[in-house]
Amino acid sequence: MTHRTVGHPAGLPDDPRASVTAPTPECPVEITLAALHGRWTTLVVRELLRGDRSYSELRAALPMLSDKVLSDRLAQLGKAGVVARDRRPGWPPRVRYALTSSGHRLGPVLQALWDWGAEVST
């Protein structure tokens, strides 16, 4: 089996979506960027890569993050299929946030972004 980038410049897949002349919503890169869009989003994902968390645990881990932005980011990540919200029975109600299997696959993506940024900043 030939690797899908053989015969193409490094990083460019052999896929018709890679040859568009303008960004499209179907582009896998645009889908990924939309899921990670917004300040603090990558840090919320980072915290959830460490394990499932309650809202208050996320707030404690990111003390400079406002409640509004955290709520917005969790909703955005939920809509993108990155985070699952688990409401547990009892009083008071308990809610845990965890990465979905798709969300866990963002770990290497964030690592690659970190590595690239660290390399160019030196």
N, C-alpha and C. Protein backbone atom coordinates (compact mmCIF):
# COMPACT_ATOMS: atom_id res chain seq x y z
N MET A 1 0.84 -1.18 0.00
CA MET A 1 0.00 0.00 0.00
C MET A 1 0.89 1.24 0.00
N THR A 2 0.58 2.17 -0.86
CA THR A 2 1.34 3.40 -0.96
C THR A 2 0.80 4.41 0.04
N HIS A 3 1.70 5.08 0.71
CA HIS A 3 1.29 6.11 1.66
C HIS A 3 0.57 7.20 0.89
N ARG A 4 -0.45 7.78 1.50
CA ARG A 4 -1.28 8.74 0.77
C ARG A 4 -0.58 10.04 0.43
N THR A 5 0.60 10.30 1.00
CA THR A 5 1.31 11.53 0.64
C THR A 5 2.45 11.27 -0.35
N VAL A 6 2.64 10.00 -0.76
CA VAL A 6 3.70 9.69 -1.72
C VAL A 6 3.39 10.42 -3.03
N GLY A 7 4.39 11.08 -3.55
CA GLY A 7 4.20 11.83 -4.79
C GLY A 7 3.65 13.23 -4.59
N HIS A 8 3.44 13.60 -3.35
CA HIS A 8 2.91 14.93 -3.02
C HIS A 8 3.86 15.60 -2.04
N PRO A 9 3.90 16.93 -2.06
CA PRO A 9 4.75 17.62 -1.08
C PRO A 9 4.38 17.19 0.34
N ALA A 10 5.38 17.15 1.20
CA ALA A 10 5.18 16.72 2.59
C ALA A 10 4.01 17.46 3.23
N GLY A 11 3.15 16.71 3.86
CA GLY A 11 2.01 17.30 4.57
C GLY A 11 0.78 17.51 3.72
N LEU A 12 0.85 17.22 2.43
CA LEU A 12 -0.32 17.40 1.58
C LEU A 12 -0.87 16.03 1.16
N PRO A 13 -2.05 15.68 1.64
CA PRO A 13 -2.61 14.37 1.34
C PRO A 13 -3.10 14.28 -0.11
N ASP A 14 -3.16 13.05 -0.59
CA ASP A 14 -3.72 12.77 -1.91
C ASP A 14 -5.23 12.67 -1.74
N ASP A 15 -5.86 13.82 -1.66
CA ASP A 15 -7.29 13.90 -1.40
C ASP A 15 -7.81 15.12 -2.15
N PRO A 16 -8.90 15.02 -2.87
CA PRO A 16 -9.41 16.16 -3.63
C PRO A 16 -9.72 17.37 -2.75
N ARG A 17 -10.02 17.14 -1.48
CA ARG A 17 -10.31 18.27 -0.60
C ARG A 17 -9.07 19.12 -0.34
N ALA A 18 -7.88 18.57 -0.64
CA ALA A 18 -6.63 19.31 -0.43
C ALA A 18 -6.31 20.21 -1.62
N SER A 19 -7.12 20.16 -2.66
CA SER A 19 -6.85 20.95 -3.87
C SER A 19 -7.84 22.08 -4.08
N VAL A 20 -8.62 22.42 -3.08
CA VAL A 20 -9.60 23.49 -3.23
C VAL A 20 -8.89 24.83 -3.31
N THR A 21 -9.56 25.82 -3.86
CA THR A 21 -8.96 27.15 -4.02
C THR A 21 -9.43 28.14 -2.96
N ALA A 22 -10.31 27.68 -2.06
CA ALA A 22 -10.78 28.52 -0.95
C ALA A 22 -11.17 27.58 0.19
N PRO A 23 -11.08 28.07 1.42
CA PRO A 23 -11.47 27.22 2.55
C PRO A 23 -12.92 26.75 2.42
N THR A 24 -13.16 25.51 2.78
CA THR A 24 -14.53 24.97 2.75
C THR A 24 -14.81 24.30 4.09
N PRO A 25 -16.07 24.25 4.48
CA PRO A 25 -16.42 23.62 5.75
C PRO A 25 -16.12 22.11 5.78
N GLU A 26 -15.99 21.50 4.60
CA GLU A 26 -15.71 20.07 4.53
C GLU A 26 -14.23 19.74 4.68
N CYS A 27 -13.38 20.75 4.65
CA CYS A 27 -11.93 20.54 4.74
C CYS A 27 -11.58 20.03 6.14
N PRO A 28 -10.89 18.89 6.23
CA PRO A 28 -10.53 18.36 7.55
C PRO A 28 -9.71 19.33 8.41
N VAL A 29 -8.85 20.12 7.79
CA VAL A 29 -8.06 21.09 8.57
C VAL A 29 -8.98 22.17 9.13
N GLU A 30 -9.92 22.65 8.32
CA GLU A 30 -10.86 23.67 8.79
C GLU A 30 -11.74 23.12 9.91
N ILE A 31 -12.13 21.86 9.81
CA ILE A 31 -12.95 21.24 10.86
C ILE A 31 -12.16 21.20 12.17
N THR A 32 -10.89 20.83 12.08
CA THR A 32 -10.04 20.78 13.28
C THR A 32 -9.84 22.16 13.87
N LEU A 33 -9.54 23.13 13.01
CA LEU A 33 -9.33 24.50 13.50
C LEU A 33 -10.60 25.07 14.12
N ALA A 34 -11.75 24.75 13.55
CA ALA A 34 -13.02 25.23 14.12
C ALA A 34 -13.26 24.61 15.49
N ALA A 35 -12.92 23.33 15.66
CA ALA A 35 -13.09 22.67 16.96
C ALA A 35 -12.20 23.30 18.02
N LEU A 36 -11.01 23.74 17.63
CA LEU A 36 -10.05 24.31 18.57
C LEU A 36 -10.09 25.84 18.62
N HIS A 37 -11.04 26.42 17.91
CA HIS A 37 -11.13 27.88 17.81
C HIS A 37 -11.38 28.53 19.17
N GLY A 38 -10.76 29.65 19.36
CA GLY A 38 -11.03 30.46 20.54
C GLY A 38 -9.94 30.34 21.60
N ARG A 39 -9.69 31.46 22.20
CA ARG A 39 -8.71 31.50 23.28
C ARG A 39 -9.16 30.58 24.41
N TRP A 40 -8.26 29.89 25.03
CA TRP A 40 -8.46 28.97 26.14
C TRP A 40 -8.89 27.57 25.71
N THR A 41 -9.34 27.40 24.48
CA THR A 41 -9.86 26.09 24.07
C THR A 41 -8.81 25.01 24.21
N THR A 42 -7.60 25.27 23.76
CA THR A 42 -6.55 24.24 23.84
C THR A 42 -6.21 23.91 25.29
N LEU A 43 -6.32 24.90 26.18
CA LEU A 43 -6.03 24.63 27.59
C LEU A 43 -7.12 23.80 28.24
N VAL A 44 -8.37 24.01 27.84
CA VAL A 44 -9.46 23.18 28.35
C VAL A 44 -9.24 21.73 27.88
N VAL A 45 -8.89 21.56 26.60
CA VAL A 45 -8.62 20.22 26.08
C VAL A 45 -7.44 19.60 26.82
N ARG A 46 -6.40 20.39 27.05
CA ARG A 46 -5.23 19.88 27.79
C ARG A 46 -5.64 19.33 29.15
N GLU A 47 -6.46 20.08 29.87
CA GLU A 47 -6.89 19.63 31.20
C GLU A 47 -7.70 18.34 31.11
N LEU A 48 -8.52 18.22 30.08
CA LEU A 48 -9.33 17.02 29.94
C LEU A 48 -8.51 15.84 29.42
N LEU A 49 -7.38 16.10 28.77
CA LEU A 49 -6.48 15.02 28.39
C LEU A 49 -5.90 14.36 29.65
N ARG A 50 -5.88 15.08 30.74
CA ARG A 50 -5.37 14.56 32.02
C ARG A 50 -6.41 13.70 32.74
N GLY A 51 -7.65 13.74 32.26
CA GLY A 51 -8.72 12.95 32.86
C GLY A 51 -10.00 13.75 32.94
N ASP A 52 -11.11 13.07 33.22
CA ASP A 52 -12.38 13.78 33.30
C ASP A 52 -12.36 14.74 34.49
N ARG A 53 -13.11 15.82 34.36
CA ARG A 53 -13.10 16.88 35.37
C ARG A 53 -14.51 17.43 35.57
N SER A 54 -14.73 17.94 36.75
CA SER A 54 -15.95 18.70 37.02
C SER A 54 -15.69 20.14 36.57
N TYR A 55 -16.76 20.89 36.49
CA TYR A 55 -16.63 22.30 36.13
C TYR A 55 -15.71 23.01 37.13
N SER A 56 -15.91 22.76 38.41
CA SER A 56 -15.10 23.45 39.43
C SER A 56 -13.63 23.02 39.35
N GLU A 57 -13.36 21.78 38.98
CA GLU A 57 -11.98 21.35 38.82
C GLU A 57 -11.32 22.06 37.62
N LEU A 58 -12.08 22.25 36.56
CA LEU A 58 -11.56 22.99 35.42
C LEU A 58 -11.29 24.45 35.80
N ARG A 59 -12.21 25.04 36.56
CA ARG A 59 -12.03 26.44 37.02
C ARG A 59 -10.78 26.55 37.89
N ALA A 60 -10.57 25.58 38.76
CA ALA A 60 -9.39 25.62 39.65
C ALA A 60 -8.10 25.45 38.85
N ALA A 61 -8.13 24.62 37.82
CA ALA A 61 -6.94 24.38 36.99
C ALA A 61 -6.61 25.58 36.11
N LEU A 62 -7.63 26.37 35.78
CA LEU A 62 -7.46 27.54 34.90
C LEU A 62 -8.07 28.77 35.58
N PRO A 63 -7.44 29.25 36.65
CA PRO A 63 -8.05 30.31 37.47
C PRO A 63 -8.26 31.64 36.76
N MET A 64 -7.55 31.91 35.70
CA MET A 64 -7.72 33.18 34.98
C MET A 64 -8.86 33.12 33.96
N LEU A 65 -9.43 31.95 33.77
CA LEU A 65 -10.51 31.74 32.80
C LEU A 65 -11.84 32.10 33.45
N SER A 66 -12.61 32.95 32.79
CA SER A 66 -13.90 33.36 33.34
C SER A 66 -14.93 32.24 33.21
N ASP A 67 -15.96 32.30 34.05
CA ASP A 67 -17.03 31.32 33.99
C ASP A 67 -17.71 31.33 32.62
N LYS A 68 -17.95 32.51 32.08
CA LYS A 68 -18.61 32.61 30.78
C LYS A 68 -17.80 31.94 29.68
N VAL A 69 -16.51 32.22 29.64
CA VAL A 69 -15.68 31.64 28.59
C VAL A 69 -15.57 30.13 28.77
N LEU A 70 -15.42 29.66 30.01
CA LEU A 70 -15.35 28.21 30.24
C LEU A 70 -16.65 27.54 29.78
N SER A 71 -17.78 28.11 30.14
CA SER A 71 -19.06 27.56 29.69
C SER A 71 -19.16 27.55 28.18
N ASP A 72 -18.74 28.65 27.55
CA ASP A 72 -18.77 28.73 26.08
C ASP A 72 -17.86 27.69 25.45
N ARG A 73 -16.66 27.53 25.99
CA ARG A 73 -15.71 26.56 25.42
C ARG A 73 -16.22 25.13 25.58
N LEU A 74 -16.78 24.81 26.74
CA LEU A 74 -17.31 23.47 26.94
C LEU A 74 -18.47 23.19 25.98
N ALA A 75 -19.33 24.19 25.78
CA ALA A 75 -20.44 24.02 24.83
C ALA A 75 -19.91 23.85 23.40
N GLN A 76 -18.93 24.67 23.03
CA GLN A 76 -18.33 24.58 21.69
C GLN A 76 -17.70 23.21 21.47
N LEU A 77 -16.94 22.76 22.45
CA LEU A 77 -16.27 21.46 22.33
C LEU A 77 -17.29 20.31 22.33
N GLY A 78 -18.37 20.48 23.05
CA GLY A 78 -19.44 19.48 23.02
C GLY A 78 -20.09 19.41 21.65
N LYS A 79 -20.38 20.57 21.09
CA LYS A 79 -21.01 20.62 19.76
C LYS A 79 -20.10 20.03 18.69
N ALA A 80 -18.78 20.19 18.87
CA ALA A 80 -17.81 19.66 17.90
C ALA A 80 -17.56 18.17 18.11
N GLY A 81 -18.14 17.58 19.15
CA GLY A 81 -17.95 16.16 19.40
C GLY A 81 -16.64 15.83 20.10
N VAL A 82 -16.03 16.85 20.72
CA VAL A 82 -14.74 16.68 21.39
C VAL A 82 -14.93 16.33 22.86
N VAL A 83 -15.96 16.89 23.49
CA VAL A 83 -16.20 16.72 24.93
C VAL A 83 -17.60 16.15 25.14
N ALA A 84 -17.68 15.24 26.08
CA ALA A 84 -18.98 14.70 26.50
C ALA A 84 -19.28 15.21 27.91
N ARG A 85 -20.53 15.56 28.13
CA ARG A 85 -20.99 16.04 29.44
C ARG A 85 -21.79 14.92 30.07
N ASP A 86 -21.40 14.52 31.28
CA ASP A 86 -22.06 13.43 31.99
C ASP A 86 -22.68 13.98 33.27
N ARG A 87 -24.01 14.07 33.28
CA ARG A 87 -24.72 14.55 34.47
C ARG A 87 -25.04 13.34 35.33
N ARG A 88 -24.56 13.36 36.55
CA ARG A 88 -24.75 12.24 37.47
C ARG A 88 -25.88 12.54 38.45
N PRO A 89 -26.65 11.54 38.81
CA PRO A 89 -27.78 11.78 39.72
C PRO A 89 -27.32 12.19 41.11
N GLY A 90 -28.24 12.78 41.82
CA GLY A 90 -27.96 13.20 43.19
C GLY A 90 -28.23 14.67 43.38
N TRP A 91 -28.12 15.09 44.62
CA TRP A 91 -28.28 16.51 44.93
C TRP A 91 -27.09 16.96 45.74
N PRO A 92 -26.40 17.99 45.37
CA PRO A 92 -26.63 18.72 44.12
C PRO A 92 -26.23 17.87 42.92
N PRO A 93 -26.78 18.21 41.76
CA PRO A 93 -26.42 17.44 40.56
C PRO A 93 -24.92 17.56 40.30
N ARG A 94 -24.33 16.49 39.88
CA ARG A 94 -22.90 16.49 39.57
C ARG A 94 -22.72 16.29 38.08
N VAL A 95 -21.85 17.09 37.51
CA VAL A 95 -21.56 17.01 36.08
C VAL A 95 -20.07 16.81 35.91
N ARG A 96 -19.71 15.86 35.07
CA ARG A 96 -18.31 15.60 34.73
C ARG A 96 -18.16 15.82 33.23
N TYR A 97 -17.02 16.35 32.86
CA TYR A 97 -16.68 16.55 31.46
C TYR A 97 -15.52 15.62 31.12
N ALA A 98 -15.62 14.98 29.97
CA ALA A 98 -14.58 14.06 29.53
C ALA A 98 -14.43 14.17 28.03
N LEU A 99 -13.24 13.89 27.55
CA LEU A 99 -13.01 13.87 26.12
C LEU A 99 -13.66 12.63 25.51
N THR A 100 -14.21 12.81 24.33
CA THR A 100 -14.70 11.68 23.55
C THR A 100 -13.49 11.00 22.92
N SER A 101 -13.70 9.92 22.20
CA SER A 101 -12.58 9.28 21.51
C SER A 101 -11.98 10.24 20.50
N SER A 102 -12.81 11.04 19.83
CA SER A 102 -12.29 12.06 18.90
C SER A 102 -11.48 13.10 19.65
N GLY A 103 -11.96 13.48 20.82
CA GLY A 103 -11.24 14.46 21.62
C GLY A 103 -9.87 13.96 22.05
N HIS A 104 -9.78 12.70 22.42
CA HIS A 104 -8.49 12.13 22.81
C HIS A 104 -7.50 12.15 21.64
N ARG A 105 -8.01 12.03 20.43
CA ARG A 105 -7.12 12.03 19.27
C ARG A 105 -6.54 13.42 18.99
N LEU A 106 -7.02 14.44 19.70
CA LEU A 106 -6.42 15.78 19.58
C LEU A 106 -5.12 15.90 20.36
N GLY A 107 -4.83 14.95 21.25
CA GLY A 107 -3.59 15.01 22.02
C GLY A 107 -2.36 15.14 21.14
N PRO A 108 -2.16 14.25 20.16
CA PRO A 108 -1.00 14.39 19.28
C PRO A 108 -1.03 15.66 18.43
N VAL A 109 -2.23 16.14 18.12
CA VAL A 109 -2.35 17.39 17.35
C VAL A 109 -1.81 18.54 18.19
N LEU A 110 -2.23 18.61 19.45
CA LEU A 110 -1.74 19.67 20.33
C LEU A 110 -0.24 19.54 20.55
N GLN A 111 0.26 18.31 20.68
CA GLN A 111 1.70 18.09 20.84
C GLN A 111 2.45 18.59 19.61
N ALA A 112 1.93 18.31 18.42
CA ALA A 112 2.58 18.78 17.18
C ALA A 112 2.57 20.30 17.11
N LEU A 113 1.47 20.94 17.52
CA LEU A 113 1.43 22.41 17.55
C LEU A 113 2.45 22.95 18.54
N TRP A 114 2.54 22.32 19.71
CA TRP A 114 3.54 22.73 20.72
C TRP A 114 4.96 22.61 20.15
N ASP A 115 5.25 21.45 19.57
CA ASP A 115 6.59 21.20 19.04
C ASP A 115 6.96 22.21 17.97
N TRP A 116 6.03 22.49 17.07
CA TRP A 116 6.30 23.44 15.99
C TRP A 116 6.55 24.83 16.58
N GLY A 117 5.68 25.26 17.51
CA GLY A 117 5.85 26.58 18.13
C GLY A 117 7.13 26.70 18.92
N ALA A 118 7.50 25.64 19.63
CA ALA A 118 8.74 25.66 20.40
C ALA A 118 9.94 25.76 19.47
N GLU A 119 9.87 25.07 18.33
CA GLU A 119 10.97 25.07 17.39
C GLU A 119 11.18 26.44 16.73
N VAL A 120 10.10 27.08 16.33
CA VAL A 120 10.23 28.36 15.63
C VAL A 120 10.48 29.52 16.58
N SER A 121 10.22 29.33 17.87
CA SER A 121 10.40 30.43 18.82
C SER A 121 11.84 30.51 19.35
N THR A 122 12.66 29.54 18.98
CA THR A 122 14.04 29.56 19.48
C THR A 122 14.98 30.21 18.50
